[in-house]
Amino acid sequence: MADWLTQLGELPTTLLMGVLGVVMLFDAVPLLGVLVPGDVAILAATGVGGPTTGAATFAVVVAGCLAGWSLSFLAGRRYGERLRRSRLGDWIGEARWAAAEGILQRGGGRMVLVAPFLPVFNALLPLAGGGLRMSYPRFLSCATLGAAAWAGLYLALGTASRSLAGLLPGESSPMLVTMTVGLVLAGAVAMGTRRRLRAVTGA
């Protein structure tokens, strides 16, 4: 793991941003996002990047999220029921699919806004939104706000964690400390979001 992170840190900034964009695109696709979690990718990019890469990281994360979610939304709009009855639907599970639809029906667009903070559902809600014939402009506006909030949060957590790593004694890896502390703090945020979601939708 440490060797992989070291190699990642040696990538040119342009290539690093390209890899991050592809990861964010895949993170928005059901099942693929489990293989390469987007939050880990953002924290890793923040840990190896310098102060000048923050704006680029933010833009790439938002663009990658919107591209992936838009593809999922359009796939749900056109192939929703077919996908639900396919092997992909079996892997996702009918319970999760029904829960995603219930969340959108109760909470509407504001649930798309918090989708980035919900593992698994962040990829499933756009697919369900397309299947439910949600307006794409409404979906895109809510998704943009959600992606911006999510990217901003992880960048802030990563930057704060990287600063903390610089204060620690010894030769600890700044990126490992950034990812560890960032994921712990982000986990607390995700748990709070889930509780809030249950209070609002009952799901």
N, C-alpha and C. Protein backbone atom coordinates (compact mmCIF):
# COMPACT_ATOMS: atom_id res chain seq x y z
N MET A 1 0.83 -1.21 0.00
CA MET A 1 0.00 0.00 0.00
C MET A 1 0.87 1.26 0.00
N ALA A 2 1.86 1.27 0.86
CA ALA A 2 2.74 2.44 0.94
C ALA A 2 3.49 2.65 -0.36
N ASP A 3 3.96 1.52 -0.99
CA ASP A 3 4.67 1.64 -2.27
C ASP A 3 3.75 2.22 -3.34
N TRP A 4 2.49 1.76 -3.35
CA TRP A 4 1.53 2.26 -4.34
C TRP A 4 1.29 3.75 -4.16
N LEU A 5 1.17 4.17 -2.92
CA LEU A 5 0.94 5.59 -2.64
C LEU A 5 2.16 6.43 -3.03
N THR A 6 3.35 5.86 -2.82
CA THR A 6 4.57 6.58 -3.21
C THR A 6 4.62 6.77 -4.72
N GLN A 7 4.28 5.71 -5.47
CA GLN A 7 4.25 5.82 -6.92
C GLN A 7 3.20 6.82 -7.38
N LEU A 8 2.07 6.86 -6.70
CA LEU A 8 1.03 7.82 -7.04
C LEU A 8 1.53 9.24 -6.86
N GLY A 9 2.27 9.47 -5.79
CA GLY A 9 2.79 10.80 -5.52
C GLY A 9 3.81 11.27 -6.53
N GLU A 10 4.41 10.34 -7.26
CA GLU A 10 5.42 10.71 -8.24
C GLU A 10 4.83 11.03 -9.62
N LEU A 11 3.53 10.86 -9.79
CA LEU A 11 2.90 11.15 -11.07
C LEU A 11 2.89 12.65 -11.34
N PRO A 12 3.03 13.06 -12.60
CA PRO A 12 2.87 14.48 -12.93
C PRO A 12 1.46 14.95 -12.56
N THR A 13 1.32 16.22 -12.23
CA THR A 13 0.04 16.74 -11.77
C THR A 13 -1.07 16.52 -12.79
N THR A 14 -0.77 16.75 -14.07
CA THR A 14 -1.78 16.58 -15.11
C THR A 14 -2.27 15.13 -15.17
N LEU A 15 -1.34 14.18 -15.10
CA LEU A 15 -1.71 12.77 -15.14
C LEU A 15 -2.48 12.39 -13.87
N LEU A 16 -2.05 12.92 -12.73
CA LEU A 16 -2.73 12.63 -11.47
C LEU A 16 -4.18 13.11 -11.53
N MET A 17 -4.41 14.30 -12.09
CA MET A 17 -5.77 14.82 -12.20
C MET A 17 -6.59 13.97 -13.17
N GLY A 18 -5.94 13.49 -14.24
CA GLY A 18 -6.64 12.63 -15.18
C GLY A 18 -7.08 11.32 -14.54
N VAL A 19 -6.19 10.72 -13.74
CA VAL A 19 -6.52 9.49 -13.04
C VAL A 19 -7.66 9.74 -12.05
N LEU A 20 -7.59 10.87 -11.35
CA LEU A 20 -8.64 11.20 -10.38
C LEU A 20 -9.99 11.36 -11.08
N GLY A 21 -10.00 12.01 -12.25
CA GLY A 21 -11.25 12.18 -12.99
C GLY A 21 -11.86 10.85 -13.40
N VAL A 22 -11.02 9.92 -13.85
CA VAL A 22 -11.51 8.60 -14.25
C VAL A 22 -12.06 7.85 -13.04
N VAL A 23 -11.37 7.95 -11.91
CA VAL A 23 -11.84 7.29 -10.69
C VAL A 23 -13.20 7.85 -10.28
N MET A 24 -13.37 9.16 -10.35
CA MET A 24 -14.65 9.76 -9.97
C MET A 24 -15.76 9.34 -10.92
N LEU A 25 -15.43 9.18 -12.19
CA LEU A 25 -16.41 8.68 -13.15
C LEU A 25 -16.85 7.27 -12.79
N PHE A 26 -15.89 6.40 -12.49
CA PHE A 26 -16.22 5.03 -12.12
C PHE A 26 -16.94 4.96 -10.78
N ASP A 27 -16.62 5.88 -9.87
CA ASP A 27 -17.24 5.88 -8.56
C ASP A 27 -18.74 6.10 -8.66
N ALA A 28 -19.19 6.74 -9.74
CA ALA A 28 -20.62 7.02 -9.91
C ALA A 28 -21.37 5.88 -10.56
N VAL A 29 -20.66 4.80 -10.94
CA VAL A 29 -21.28 3.66 -11.59
C VAL A 29 -21.54 2.58 -10.54
N PRO A 30 -22.78 2.05 -10.46
CA PRO A 30 -23.06 1.01 -9.47
C PRO A 30 -22.06 -0.14 -9.54
N LEU A 31 -21.63 -0.59 -8.38
CA LEU A 31 -20.67 -1.68 -8.18
C LEU A 31 -19.23 -1.28 -8.45
N LEU A 32 -18.96 -0.54 -9.52
CA LEU A 32 -17.58 -0.15 -9.79
C LEU A 32 -17.04 0.79 -8.72
N GLY A 33 -17.91 1.64 -8.16
CA GLY A 33 -17.48 2.57 -7.13
C GLY A 33 -16.99 1.88 -5.87
N VAL A 34 -17.44 0.65 -5.66
CA VAL A 34 -16.98 -0.11 -4.48
C VAL A 34 -15.52 -0.51 -4.64
N LEU A 35 -15.09 -0.73 -5.89
CA LEU A 35 -13.72 -1.19 -6.14
C LEU A 35 -12.70 -0.08 -5.90
N VAL A 36 -13.04 1.14 -6.31
CA VAL A 36 -12.13 2.27 -6.13
C VAL A 36 -12.93 3.42 -5.51
N PRO A 37 -13.05 3.46 -4.18
CA PRO A 37 -13.87 4.49 -3.54
C PRO A 37 -13.37 5.89 -3.85
N GLY A 38 -14.30 6.78 -4.20
CA GLY A 38 -13.93 8.13 -4.55
C GLY A 38 -13.34 8.92 -3.41
N ASP A 39 -13.83 8.68 -2.18
CA ASP A 39 -13.31 9.45 -1.05
C ASP A 39 -11.83 9.16 -0.82
N VAL A 40 -11.44 7.90 -0.98
CA VAL A 40 -10.04 7.54 -0.84
C VAL A 40 -9.19 8.23 -1.91
N ALA A 41 -9.72 8.28 -3.13
CA ALA A 41 -8.99 8.90 -4.23
C ALA A 41 -8.78 10.39 -3.99
N ILE A 42 -9.80 11.08 -3.48
CA ILE A 42 -9.67 12.52 -3.22
C ILE A 42 -8.64 12.78 -2.13
N LEU A 43 -8.70 12.00 -1.07
CA LEU A 43 -7.76 12.19 0.03
C LEU A 43 -6.33 11.88 -0.42
N ALA A 44 -6.18 10.85 -1.25
CA ALA A 44 -4.84 10.51 -1.76
C ALA A 44 -4.31 11.65 -2.63
N ALA A 45 -5.16 12.19 -3.51
CA ALA A 45 -4.73 13.28 -4.38
C ALA A 45 -4.39 14.52 -3.55
N THR A 46 -5.15 14.77 -2.50
CA THR A 46 -4.86 15.91 -1.64
C THR A 46 -3.57 15.71 -0.87
N GLY A 47 -3.31 14.46 -0.46
CA GLY A 47 -2.11 14.17 0.30
C GLY A 47 -0.84 14.34 -0.51
N VAL A 48 -0.88 14.00 -1.81
CA VAL A 48 0.32 14.10 -2.62
C VAL A 48 0.42 15.43 -3.35
N GLY A 49 -0.69 16.14 -3.47
CA GLY A 49 -0.69 17.41 -4.19
C GLY A 49 -0.18 18.55 -3.32
N GLY A 50 0.13 19.64 -3.96
CA GLY A 50 0.56 20.83 -3.26
C GLY A 50 -0.58 21.80 -3.08
N PRO A 51 -0.33 22.93 -2.44
CA PRO A 51 -1.38 23.93 -2.21
C PRO A 51 -2.01 24.44 -3.51
N THR A 52 -1.25 24.40 -4.61
CA THR A 52 -1.76 24.95 -5.87
C THR A 52 -2.68 23.99 -6.62
N THR A 53 -2.75 22.73 -6.17
CA THR A 53 -3.58 21.75 -6.88
C THR A 53 -4.99 21.67 -6.33
N GLY A 54 -5.29 22.41 -5.29
CA GLY A 54 -6.60 22.33 -4.66
C GLY A 54 -7.74 22.66 -5.61
N ALA A 55 -7.61 23.78 -6.34
CA ALA A 55 -8.67 24.20 -7.26
C ALA A 55 -8.85 23.18 -8.39
N ALA A 56 -7.72 22.66 -8.91
CA ALA A 56 -7.80 21.66 -9.98
C ALA A 56 -8.46 20.38 -9.48
N THR A 57 -8.11 19.96 -8.27
CA THR A 57 -8.71 18.76 -7.70
C THR A 57 -10.21 18.95 -7.54
N PHE A 58 -10.62 20.10 -7.03
CA PHE A 58 -12.05 20.39 -6.85
C PHE A 58 -12.78 20.31 -8.19
N ALA A 59 -12.24 20.95 -9.21
CA ALA A 59 -12.90 20.98 -10.53
C ALA A 59 -12.99 19.58 -11.13
N VAL A 60 -11.91 18.81 -11.01
CA VAL A 60 -11.89 17.46 -11.58
C VAL A 60 -12.89 16.55 -10.86
N VAL A 61 -12.96 16.65 -9.54
CA VAL A 61 -13.89 15.82 -8.78
C VAL A 61 -15.33 16.14 -9.17
N VAL A 62 -15.68 17.42 -9.22
CA VAL A 62 -17.05 17.81 -9.57
C VAL A 62 -17.38 17.36 -11.00
N ALA A 63 -16.46 17.60 -11.93
CA ALA A 63 -16.72 17.21 -13.32
C ALA A 63 -16.85 15.69 -13.47
N GLY A 64 -15.98 14.94 -12.79
CA GLY A 64 -16.05 13.48 -12.86
C GLY A 64 -17.34 12.94 -12.28
N CYS A 65 -17.75 13.50 -11.14
CA CYS A 65 -19.01 13.08 -10.52
C CYS A 65 -20.19 13.34 -11.44
N LEU A 66 -20.26 14.54 -11.98
CA LEU A 66 -21.39 14.90 -12.83
C LEU A 66 -21.43 14.05 -14.10
N ALA A 67 -20.27 13.76 -14.66
CA ALA A 67 -20.24 12.92 -15.86
C ALA A 67 -20.76 11.52 -15.54
N GLY A 68 -20.27 10.94 -14.45
CA GLY A 68 -20.71 9.59 -14.09
C GLY A 68 -22.18 9.54 -13.70
N TRP A 69 -22.62 10.50 -12.92
CA TRP A 69 -24.03 10.52 -12.50
C TRP A 69 -24.96 10.77 -13.68
N SER A 70 -24.54 11.61 -14.61
CA SER A 70 -25.36 11.87 -15.79
C SER A 70 -25.51 10.60 -16.63
N LEU A 71 -24.42 9.86 -16.79
CA LEU A 71 -24.50 8.60 -17.53
C LEU A 71 -25.44 7.62 -16.83
N SER A 72 -25.33 7.54 -15.51
CA SER A 72 -26.22 6.64 -14.75
C SER A 72 -27.66 7.10 -14.87
N PHE A 73 -27.89 8.41 -14.78
CA PHE A 73 -29.25 8.95 -14.89
C PHE A 73 -29.85 8.62 -16.25
N LEU A 74 -29.09 8.84 -17.32
CA LEU A 74 -29.60 8.58 -18.66
C LEU A 74 -29.80 7.09 -18.90
N ALA A 75 -28.93 6.25 -18.32
CA ALA A 75 -29.13 4.81 -18.41
C ALA A 75 -30.41 4.39 -17.70
N GLY A 76 -30.66 5.00 -16.52
CA GLY A 76 -31.90 4.70 -15.81
C GLY A 76 -33.12 5.18 -16.56
N ARG A 77 -33.01 6.32 -17.23
CA ARG A 77 -34.13 6.86 -18.00
C ARG A 77 -34.51 5.92 -19.15
N ARG A 78 -33.48 5.37 -19.80
CA ARG A 78 -33.73 4.56 -21.00
C ARG A 78 -33.87 3.08 -20.71
N TYR A 79 -33.08 2.57 -19.76
CA TYR A 79 -33.05 1.12 -19.54
C TYR A 79 -33.39 0.73 -18.11
N GLY A 80 -34.05 1.60 -17.35
CA GLY A 80 -34.25 1.37 -15.93
C GLY A 80 -34.82 0.01 -15.58
N GLU A 81 -35.98 -0.32 -16.12
CA GLU A 81 -36.62 -1.59 -15.78
C GLU A 81 -35.82 -2.78 -16.29
N ARG A 82 -35.22 -2.62 -17.47
CA ARG A 82 -34.40 -3.71 -18.01
C ARG A 82 -33.19 -3.96 -17.12
N LEU A 83 -32.55 -2.88 -16.66
CA LEU A 83 -31.41 -3.03 -15.78
C LEU A 83 -31.82 -3.64 -14.44
N ARG A 84 -32.97 -3.25 -13.98
CA ARG A 84 -33.45 -3.75 -12.68
C ARG A 84 -33.68 -5.26 -12.71
N ARG A 85 -34.09 -5.77 -13.88
CA ARG A 85 -34.35 -7.21 -14.00
C ARG A 85 -33.12 -7.98 -14.49
N SER A 86 -32.02 -7.26 -14.75
CA SER A 86 -30.82 -7.90 -15.28
C SER A 86 -29.95 -8.45 -14.15
N ARG A 87 -28.81 -9.01 -14.54
CA ARG A 87 -27.86 -9.51 -13.54
C ARG A 87 -27.33 -8.37 -12.67
N LEU A 88 -27.15 -7.19 -13.29
CA LEU A 88 -26.73 -6.03 -12.52
C LEU A 88 -27.74 -5.71 -11.42
N GLY A 89 -29.03 -5.78 -11.77
CA GLY A 89 -30.07 -5.54 -10.77
C GLY A 89 -30.03 -6.57 -9.65
N ASP A 90 -29.72 -7.81 -10.01
CA ASP A 90 -29.62 -8.86 -8.98
C ASP A 90 -28.45 -8.59 -8.05
N TRP A 91 -27.33 -8.13 -8.61
CA TRP A 91 -26.16 -7.82 -7.78
C TRP A 91 -26.45 -6.65 -6.84
N ILE A 92 -27.14 -5.63 -7.36
CA ILE A 92 -27.49 -4.48 -6.51
C ILE A 92 -28.46 -4.90 -5.42
N GLY A 93 -29.45 -5.70 -5.81
CA GLY A 93 -30.45 -6.16 -4.85
C GLY A 93 -31.72 -5.34 -4.93
N GLU A 94 -32.85 -6.03 -4.96
CA GLU A 94 -34.14 -5.34 -5.06
C GLU A 94 -34.39 -4.44 -3.86
N ALA A 95 -33.91 -4.84 -2.70
CA ALA A 95 -34.14 -4.02 -1.50
C ALA A 95 -33.45 -2.66 -1.64
N ARG A 96 -32.20 -2.64 -2.12
CA ARG A 96 -31.50 -1.37 -2.30
C ARG A 96 -32.17 -0.53 -3.39
N TRP A 97 -32.58 -1.19 -4.46
CA TRP A 97 -33.21 -0.46 -5.56
C TRP A 97 -34.51 0.20 -5.08
N ALA A 98 -35.32 -0.58 -4.36
CA ALA A 98 -36.57 -0.03 -3.84
C ALA A 98 -36.31 1.08 -2.83
N ALA A 99 -35.27 0.92 -2.02
CA ALA A 99 -34.94 1.95 -1.04
C ALA A 99 -34.54 3.25 -1.74
N ALA A 100 -33.76 3.14 -2.82
CA ALA A 100 -33.35 4.33 -3.56
C ALA A 100 -34.57 5.05 -4.14
N GLU A 101 -35.50 4.30 -4.69
CA GLU A 101 -36.72 4.92 -5.23
C GLU A 101 -37.54 5.57 -4.12
N GLY A 102 -37.63 4.89 -2.98
CA GLY A 102 -38.38 5.47 -1.87
C GLY A 102 -37.76 6.75 -1.36
N ILE A 103 -36.43 6.79 -1.31
CA ILE A 103 -35.73 8.00 -0.87
C ILE A 103 -36.04 9.17 -1.79
N LEU A 104 -36.00 8.92 -3.10
CA LEU A 104 -36.26 9.99 -4.07
C LEU A 104 -37.72 10.43 -4.05
N GLN A 105 -38.63 9.47 -3.90
CA GLN A 105 -40.05 9.81 -3.89
C GLN A 105 -40.42 10.64 -2.66
N ARG A 106 -39.76 10.37 -1.53
CA ARG A 106 -40.07 11.12 -0.32
C ARG A 106 -39.31 12.45 -0.26
N GLY A 107 -38.04 12.41 -0.68
CA GLY A 107 -37.21 13.60 -0.52
C GLY A 107 -36.97 14.42 -1.76
N GLY A 108 -37.22 13.84 -2.95
CA GLY A 108 -37.06 14.58 -4.19
C GLY A 108 -35.61 14.98 -4.46
N GLY A 109 -35.45 16.16 -5.08
CA GLY A 109 -34.14 16.62 -5.51
C GLY A 109 -33.15 16.80 -4.38
N ARG A 110 -33.62 17.13 -3.19
CA ARG A 110 -32.67 17.36 -2.09
C ARG A 110 -31.95 16.07 -1.71
N MET A 111 -32.55 14.91 -2.03
CA MET A 111 -31.87 13.66 -1.76
C MET A 111 -30.73 13.42 -2.75
N VAL A 112 -30.87 13.96 -3.98
CA VAL A 112 -29.76 13.90 -4.93
C VAL A 112 -28.61 14.74 -4.41
N LEU A 113 -28.94 15.84 -3.74
CA LEU A 113 -27.91 16.73 -3.20
C LEU A 113 -27.05 16.03 -2.14
N VAL A 114 -27.66 15.17 -1.32
CA VAL A 114 -26.89 14.48 -0.26
C VAL A 114 -26.37 13.13 -0.73
N ALA A 115 -26.73 12.72 -1.95
CA ALA A 115 -26.31 11.40 -2.44
C ALA A 115 -24.81 11.16 -2.36
N PRO A 116 -23.95 12.16 -2.67
CA PRO A 116 -22.50 11.89 -2.61
C PRO A 116 -22.02 11.43 -1.25
N PHE A 117 -22.75 11.75 -0.19
CA PHE A 117 -22.32 11.41 1.16
C PHE A 117 -22.81 10.02 1.58
N LEU A 118 -23.50 9.31 0.68
CA LEU A 118 -24.08 8.02 1.01
C LEU A 118 -23.44 6.92 0.16
N PRO A 119 -22.51 6.14 0.73
CA PRO A 119 -21.89 5.06 -0.03
C PRO A 119 -22.95 4.13 -0.62
N VAL A 120 -22.70 3.60 -1.79
CA VAL A 120 -23.59 2.73 -2.56
C VAL A 120 -24.73 3.54 -3.18
N PHE A 121 -25.48 4.28 -2.36
CA PHE A 121 -26.60 5.06 -2.88
C PHE A 121 -26.13 6.22 -3.76
N ASN A 122 -24.88 6.64 -3.59
CA ASN A 122 -24.40 7.74 -4.44
C ASN A 122 -24.42 7.35 -5.91
N ALA A 123 -24.25 6.05 -6.21
CA ALA A 123 -24.32 5.58 -7.59
C ALA A 123 -25.73 5.12 -7.97
N LEU A 124 -26.49 4.68 -6.99
CA LEU A 124 -27.80 4.11 -7.27
C LEU A 124 -28.89 5.17 -7.43
N LEU A 125 -28.80 6.26 -6.68
CA LEU A 125 -29.84 7.29 -6.75
C LEU A 125 -29.96 7.92 -8.14
N PRO A 126 -28.85 8.26 -8.83
CA PRO A 126 -29.02 8.77 -10.20
C PRO A 126 -29.69 7.77 -11.13
N LEU A 127 -29.36 6.50 -10.99
CA LEU A 127 -29.99 5.47 -11.81
C LEU A 127 -31.49 5.40 -11.53
N ALA A 128 -31.85 5.44 -10.24
CA ALA A 128 -33.26 5.42 -9.87
C ALA A 128 -33.97 6.70 -10.29
N GLY A 129 -33.26 7.84 -10.21
CA GLY A 129 -33.86 9.11 -10.62
C GLY A 129 -34.23 9.10 -12.09
N GLY A 130 -33.36 8.53 -12.91
CA GLY A 130 -33.69 8.42 -14.33
C GLY A 130 -34.88 7.52 -14.56
N GLY A 131 -34.94 6.41 -13.82
CA GLY A 131 -36.07 5.49 -13.96
C GLY A 131 -37.38 6.10 -13.53
N LEU A 132 -37.33 7.01 -12.57
CA LEU A 132 -38.53 7.68 -12.07
C LEU A 132 -38.91 8.89 -12.92
N ARG A 133 -38.18 9.12 -14.01
CA ARG A 133 -38.46 10.23 -14.94
C ARG A 133 -38.30 11.59 -14.29
N MET A 134 -37.33 11.71 -13.39
CA MET A 134 -37.03 13.02 -12.82
C MET A 134 -36.53 13.95 -13.91
N SER A 135 -36.84 15.23 -13.79
CA SER A 135 -36.35 16.21 -14.76
C SER A 135 -34.83 16.27 -14.72
N TYR A 136 -34.19 16.14 -15.90
CA TYR A 136 -32.73 16.16 -15.92
C TYR A 136 -32.15 17.50 -15.47
N PRO A 137 -32.69 18.65 -15.89
CA PRO A 137 -32.15 19.92 -15.38
C PRO A 137 -32.22 20.02 -13.86
N ARG A 138 -33.31 19.54 -13.28
CA ARG A 138 -33.43 19.55 -11.82
C ARG A 138 -32.41 18.62 -11.20
N PHE A 139 -32.28 17.43 -11.78
CA PHE A 139 -31.30 16.48 -11.29
C PHE A 139 -29.90 17.06 -11.36
N LEU A 140 -29.56 17.68 -12.49
CA LEU A 140 -28.22 18.20 -12.69
C LEU A 140 -27.90 19.33 -11.73
N SER A 141 -28.86 20.21 -11.48
CA SER A 141 -28.62 21.32 -10.56
C SER A 141 -28.37 20.81 -9.14
N CYS A 142 -29.19 19.85 -8.70
CA CYS A 142 -29.01 19.28 -7.36
C CYS A 142 -27.70 18.48 -7.27
N ALA A 143 -27.41 17.73 -8.34
CA ALA A 143 -26.18 16.94 -8.35
C ALA A 143 -24.94 17.83 -8.32
N THR A 144 -25.01 18.97 -9.01
CA THR A 144 -23.87 19.89 -9.01
C THR A 144 -23.61 20.44 -7.62
N LEU A 145 -24.66 20.85 -6.93
CA LEU A 145 -24.50 21.35 -5.56
C LEU A 145 -23.97 20.25 -4.64
N GLY A 146 -24.50 19.03 -4.79
CA GLY A 146 -24.04 17.93 -3.95
C GLY A 146 -22.59 17.58 -4.21
N ALA A 147 -22.20 17.53 -5.49
CA ALA A 147 -20.81 17.21 -5.83
C ALA A 147 -19.86 18.28 -5.31
N ALA A 148 -20.27 19.55 -5.43
CA ALA A 148 -19.43 20.65 -4.94
C ALA A 148 -19.26 20.58 -3.43
N ALA A 149 -20.35 20.29 -2.72
CA ALA A 149 -20.27 20.18 -1.25
C ALA A 149 -19.40 19.01 -0.84
N TRP A 150 -19.56 17.88 -1.52
CA TRP A 150 -18.78 16.69 -1.19
C TRP A 150 -17.30 16.90 -1.48
N ALA A 151 -17.00 17.45 -2.66
CA ALA A 151 -15.60 17.71 -3.02
C ALA A 151 -14.98 18.71 -2.06
N GLY A 152 -15.72 19.77 -1.72
CA GLY A 152 -15.20 20.77 -0.79
C GLY A 152 -14.91 20.19 0.57
N LEU A 153 -15.81 19.33 1.05
CA LEU A 153 -15.62 18.72 2.37
C LEU A 153 -14.36 17.87 2.39
N TYR A 154 -14.19 17.00 1.39
CA TYR A 154 -13.04 16.11 1.40
C TYR A 154 -11.73 16.87 1.18
N LEU A 155 -11.79 17.91 0.38
CA LEU A 155 -10.59 18.73 0.21
C LEU A 155 -10.22 19.42 1.52
N ALA A 156 -11.22 19.92 2.23
CA ALA A 156 -10.96 20.56 3.53
C ALA A 156 -10.40 19.55 4.52
N LEU A 157 -11.01 18.36 4.57
CA LEU A 157 -10.52 17.33 5.49
C LEU A 157 -9.11 16.89 5.11
N GLY A 158 -8.87 16.72 3.81
CA GLY A 158 -7.55 16.31 3.37
C GLY A 158 -6.49 17.35 3.66
N THR A 159 -6.82 18.62 3.43
CA THR A 159 -5.86 19.70 3.68
C THR A 159 -5.55 19.81 5.17
N ALA A 160 -6.59 19.72 6.00
CA ALA A 160 -6.38 19.79 7.45
C ALA A 160 -5.55 18.60 7.94
N SER A 161 -5.83 17.41 7.39
CA SER A 161 -5.09 16.22 7.80
C SER A 161 -3.64 16.29 7.35
N ARG A 162 -3.40 16.84 6.16
CA ARG A 162 -2.03 16.99 5.67
C ARG A 162 -1.25 17.97 6.54
N SER A 163 -1.92 19.04 6.98
CA SER A 163 -1.25 19.99 7.89
C SER A 163 -0.92 19.33 9.21
N LEU A 164 -1.84 18.47 9.69
CA LEU A 164 -1.59 17.75 10.93
C LEU A 164 -0.41 16.81 10.78
N ALA A 165 -0.30 16.17 9.61
CA ALA A 165 0.83 15.26 9.39
C ALA A 165 2.16 15.99 9.48
N GLY A 166 2.19 17.24 9.05
CA GLY A 166 3.44 18.01 9.12
C GLY A 166 3.84 18.36 10.53
N LEU A 167 2.89 18.32 11.47
CA LEU A 167 3.19 18.64 12.86
C LEU A 167 3.60 17.43 13.68
N LEU A 168 3.38 16.23 13.14
CA LEU A 168 3.68 15.02 13.89
C LEU A 168 5.18 14.77 13.91
N PRO A 169 5.70 14.26 15.02
CA PRO A 169 7.14 13.94 15.09
C PRO A 169 7.46 12.71 14.27
N GLY A 170 8.71 12.56 13.92
CA GLY A 170 9.15 11.39 13.18
C GLY A 170 9.00 11.58 11.68
N GLU A 171 9.09 10.46 10.97
CA GLU A 171 9.04 10.49 9.52
C GLU A 171 7.77 9.83 9.00
N SER A 172 6.63 10.18 9.58
CA SER A 172 5.36 9.60 9.13
C SER A 172 5.02 10.11 7.73
N SER A 173 4.39 9.24 6.94
CA SER A 173 4.01 9.60 5.58
C SER A 173 2.87 10.61 5.60
N PRO A 174 3.05 11.79 5.00
CA PRO A 174 1.97 12.78 4.99
C PRO A 174 0.70 12.25 4.33
N MET A 175 0.85 11.46 3.26
CA MET A 175 -0.33 10.98 2.56
C MET A 175 -1.07 9.92 3.38
N LEU A 176 -0.33 9.04 4.05
CA LEU A 176 -0.99 8.04 4.88
C LEU A 176 -1.74 8.69 6.03
N VAL A 177 -1.13 9.69 6.65
CA VAL A 177 -1.81 10.41 7.74
C VAL A 177 -3.02 11.15 7.19
N THR A 178 -2.87 11.78 6.03
CA THR A 178 -3.98 12.49 5.42
C THR A 178 -5.16 11.57 5.18
N MET A 179 -4.90 10.41 4.60
CA MET A 179 -5.98 9.47 4.29
C MET A 179 -6.61 8.89 5.55
N THR A 180 -5.78 8.54 6.54
CA THR A 180 -6.30 7.93 7.77
C THR A 180 -7.20 8.91 8.53
N VAL A 181 -6.66 10.09 8.80
CA VAL A 181 -7.44 11.09 9.55
C VAL A 181 -8.66 11.54 8.75
N GLY A 182 -8.47 11.75 7.45
CA GLY A 182 -9.57 12.19 6.60
C GLY A 182 -10.71 11.19 6.56
N LEU A 183 -10.39 9.90 6.46
CA LEU A 183 -11.43 8.88 6.41
C LEU A 183 -12.17 8.75 7.74
N VAL A 184 -11.45 8.90 8.84
CA VAL A 184 -12.11 8.86 10.15
C VAL A 184 -13.11 10.01 10.28
N LEU A 185 -12.69 11.21 9.93
CA LEU A 185 -13.57 12.36 10.02
C LEU A 185 -14.73 12.25 9.03
N ALA A 186 -14.43 11.77 7.82
CA ALA A 186 -15.47 11.62 6.82
C ALA A 186 -16.48 10.55 7.23
N GLY A 187 -16.02 9.51 7.91
CA GLY A 187 -16.93 8.48 8.39
C GLY A 187 -17.95 9.05 9.37
N ALA A 188 -17.49 9.96 10.22
CA ALA A 188 -18.41 10.61 11.16
C ALA A 188 -19.44 11.44 10.41
N VAL A 189 -19.01 12.13 9.36
CA VAL A 189 -19.94 12.93 8.56
C VAL A 189 -20.96 12.03 7.87
N ALA A 190 -20.50 10.89 7.33
CA ALA A 190 -21.40 9.97 6.63
C ALA A 190 -22.44 9.40 7.59
N MET A 191 -22.03 9.06 8.81
CA MET A 191 -22.98 8.54 9.79
C MET A 191 -24.02 9.58 10.15
N GLY A 192 -23.59 10.83 10.31
CA GLY A 192 -24.53 11.89 10.61
C GLY A 192 -25.50 12.12 9.47
N THR A 193 -25.02 12.02 8.23
CA THR A 193 -25.89 12.18 7.07
C THR A 193 -26.91 11.07 7.00
N ARG A 194 -26.51 9.84 7.30
CA ARG A 194 -27.44 8.72 7.28
C ARG A 194 -28.54 8.90 8.33
N ARG A 195 -28.17 9.35 9.50
CA ARG A 195 -29.18 9.57 10.54
C ARG A 195 -30.16 10.66 10.12
N ARG A 196 -29.62 11.71 9.52
CA ARG A 196 -30.47 12.79 9.04
C ARG A 196 -31.41 12.30 7.95
N LEU A 197 -30.89 11.43 7.07
CA LEU A 197 -31.69 10.89 5.99
C LEU A 197 -32.85 10.06 6.54
N ARG A 198 -32.56 9.23 7.53
CA ARG A 198 -33.62 8.42 8.12
C ARG A 198 -34.68 9.29 8.77
N ALA A 199 -34.26 10.38 9.40
CA ALA A 199 -35.22 11.27 10.05
C ALA A 199 -36.11 11.97 9.04
N VAL A 200 -35.54 12.29 7.87
CA VAL A 200 -36.31 13.02 6.86
C VAL A 200 -37.22 12.11 6.05
N THR A 201 -36.70 10.94 5.66
CA THR A 201 -37.45 10.07 4.74
C THR A 201 -38.04 8.82 5.40
N GLY A 202 -37.51 8.46 6.56
CA GLY A 202 -37.95 7.21 7.17
C GLY A 202 -37.37 5.98 6.51
N ALA A 203 -36.38 6.20 5.59
CA ALA A 203 -35.79 5.07 4.87
C ALA A 203 -34.57 4.56 5.60
